[in-house]
Amino acid sequence: MGRSLADKNVGSSGTITNMYLSTCMKRRLLSMGLLIGKKVEIINKIEGSSIIVSISDMQFILGIDLASNIWVE
């Protein structure tokens, strides 16, 4: 069963399975390489604020609200 990026622990990884976001936000993330089917690793978290993830040798800082709408398995 999938969980949101915000619910994953530091050091864990998973594959993006869905993004429950507006079309505009989805397009923006897709253009940066956050694609369904890509493996993502949680690098660091600042509780209640943001999450740092690594995808394909790139690191991104996402707000916790945004990360809560990206699901991984």
C-alpha atoms as a PDB file:
ATOM      1  CA  MET A   1       0.000   0.000   0.000  1.00  0.00           C
ATOM      2  CA  GLY A   2       1.353   3.429  -0.937  1.00  0.00           C
ATOM      3  CA  ARG A   3       2.136   6.332   1.340  1.00  0.00           C
ATOM      4  CA  SER A   4       2.736   9.992   0.725  1.00  0.00           C
ATOM      5  CA  LEU A   5       6.267  11.356   0.553  1.00  0.00           C
ATOM      6  CA  ALA A   6       5.513  13.339   3.705  1.00  0.00           C
ATOM      7  CA  ASP A   7       4.848  10.094   5.611  1.00  0.00           C
ATOM      8  CA  LYS A   8       8.080   8.355   4.596  1.00  0.00           C
ATOM      9  CA  ASN A   9      11.133   8.266   6.866  1.00  0.00           C
ATOM     10  CA  VAL A  10      14.533   9.782   6.116  1.00  0.00           C
ATOM     11  CA  GLY A  11      16.662   7.262   4.228  1.00  0.00           C
ATOM     12  CA  SER A  12      13.689   5.389   2.794  1.00  0.00           C
ATOM     13  CA  SER A  13      12.922   5.227  -0.893  1.00  0.00           C
ATOM     14  CA  GLY A  14      10.062   4.304  -3.166  1.00  0.00           C
ATOM     15  CA  THR A  15       8.582   4.710  -6.610  1.00  0.00           C
ATOM     16  CA  ILE A  16       6.197   7.564  -7.403  1.00  0.00           C
ATOM     17  CA  THR A  17       2.784   6.023  -8.082  1.00  0.00           C
ATOM     18  CA  ASN A  18       0.467   9.035  -8.190  1.00  0.00           C
ATOM     19  CA  MET A  19       0.324  12.797  -7.770  1.00  0.00           C
ATOM     20  CA  TYR A  20      -2.892  14.302  -6.432  1.00  0.00           C
ATOM     21  CA  LEU A  21      -2.156  17.821  -7.647  1.00  0.00           C
ATOM     22  CA  SER A  22      -3.575  20.462  -9.941  1.00  0.00           C
ATOM     23  CA  THR A  23      -2.728  20.090 -13.622  1.00  0.00           C
ATOM     24  CA  CYS A  24      -0.508  23.175 -13.458  1.00  0.00           C
ATOM     25  CA  MET A  25       1.514  21.858 -10.502  1.00  0.00           C
ATOM     26  CA  LYS A  26       1.782  18.390 -12.070  1.00  0.00           C
ATOM     27  CA  ARG A  27       3.206  19.913 -15.257  1.00  0.00           C
ATOM     28  CA  ARG A  28       5.753  21.888 -13.283  1.00  0.00           C
ATOM     29  CA  LEU A  29       6.934  18.829 -11.345  1.00  0.00           C
ATOM     30  CA  LEU A  30       6.994  16.699 -14.496  1.00  0.00           C
ATOM     31  CA  SER A  31       9.197  19.285 -16.207  1.00  0.00           C
ATOM     32  CA  MET A  32      11.652  18.986 -13.293  1.00  0.00           C
ATOM     33  CA  GLY A  33      11.810  15.198 -13.603  1.00  0.00           C
ATOM     34  CA  LEU A  34       9.370  14.126 -10.890  1.00  0.00           C
ATOM     35  CA  LEU A  35       7.619  11.501 -12.988  1.00  0.00           C
ATOM     36  CA  ILE A  36       5.303   8.661 -12.074  1.00  0.00           C
ATOM     37  CA  GLY A  37       7.439   5.525 -12.053  1.00  0.00           C
ATOM     38  CA  LYS A  38      10.633   7.310 -10.939  1.00  0.00           C
ATOM     39  CA  LYS A  39      12.461   6.135  -7.819  1.00  0.00           C
ATOM     40  CA  VAL A  40      12.689   8.772  -5.092  1.00  0.00           C
ATOM     41  CA  GLU A  41      14.756   8.779  -1.895  1.00  0.00           C
ATOM     42  CA  ILE A  42      14.029  10.856   1.207  1.00  0.00           C
ATOM     43  CA  ILE A  43      17.240  12.724   2.089  1.00  0.00           C
ATOM     44  CA  ASN A  44      16.053  14.931   4.966  1.00  0.00           C
ATOM     45  CA  LYS A  45      12.895  16.295   6.584  1.00  0.00           C
ATOM     46  CA  ILE A  46      12.105  19.414   8.559  1.00  0.00           C
ATOM     47  CA  GLU A  47       8.951  18.438  10.448  1.00  0.00           C
ATOM     48  CA  GLY A  48       5.929  20.459   9.417  1.00  0.00           C
ATOM     49  CA  SER A  49       7.902  22.468   6.885  1.00  0.00           C
ATOM     50  CA  SER A  50       9.724  20.749   4.008  1.00  0.00           C
ATOM     51  CA  ILE A  51      11.279  17.558   2.706  1.00  0.00           C
ATOM     52  CA  ILE A  52      14.428  17.034   0.639  1.00  0.00           C
ATOM     53  CA  VAL A  53      14.234  14.254  -1.940  1.00  0.00           C
ATOM     54  CA  SER A  54      16.651  12.822  -4.471  1.00  0.00           C
ATOM     55  CA  ILE A  55      15.578  11.683  -7.925  1.00  0.00           C
ATOM     56  CA  SER A  56      18.035  10.687 -10.660  1.00  0.00           C
ATOM     57  CA  ASP A  57      21.060  12.456  -9.134  1.00  0.00           C
ATOM     58  CA  MET A  58      19.050  15.645  -8.513  1.00  0.00           C
ATOM     59  CA  GLN A  59      17.809  16.949  -5.180  1.00  0.00           C
ATOM     60  CA  PHE A  60      14.576  18.867  -4.635  1.00  0.00           C
ATOM     61  CA  ILE A  61      13.118  20.652  -1.644  1.00  0.00           C
ATOM     62  CA  LEU A  62       9.349  20.239  -1.499  1.00  0.00           C
ATOM     63  CA  GLY A  63       6.899  21.828   0.889  1.00  0.00           C
ATOM     64  CA  ILE A  64       5.232  19.326   3.198  1.00  0.00           C
ATOM     65  CA  ASP A  65       1.782  20.131   1.732  1.00  0.00           C
ATOM     66  CA  LEU A  66       3.029  19.323  -1.759  1.00  0.00           C
ATOM     67  CA  ALA A  67       4.840  16.166  -0.577  1.00  0.00           C
ATOM     68  CA  SER A  68       1.601  15.004   1.100  1.00  0.00           C
ATOM     69  CA  ASN A  69      -0.012  14.775  -2.336  1.00  0.00           C
ATOM     70  CA  ILE A  70       2.727  12.704  -3.987  1.00  0.00           C
ATOM     71  CA  TRP A  71       2.269   8.976  -3.360  1.00  0.00           C
ATOM     72  CA  VAL A  72       5.005   6.350  -3.443  1.00  0.00           C
ATOM     73  CA  GLU A  73       5.263   2.580  -2.971  1.00  0.00           C
END
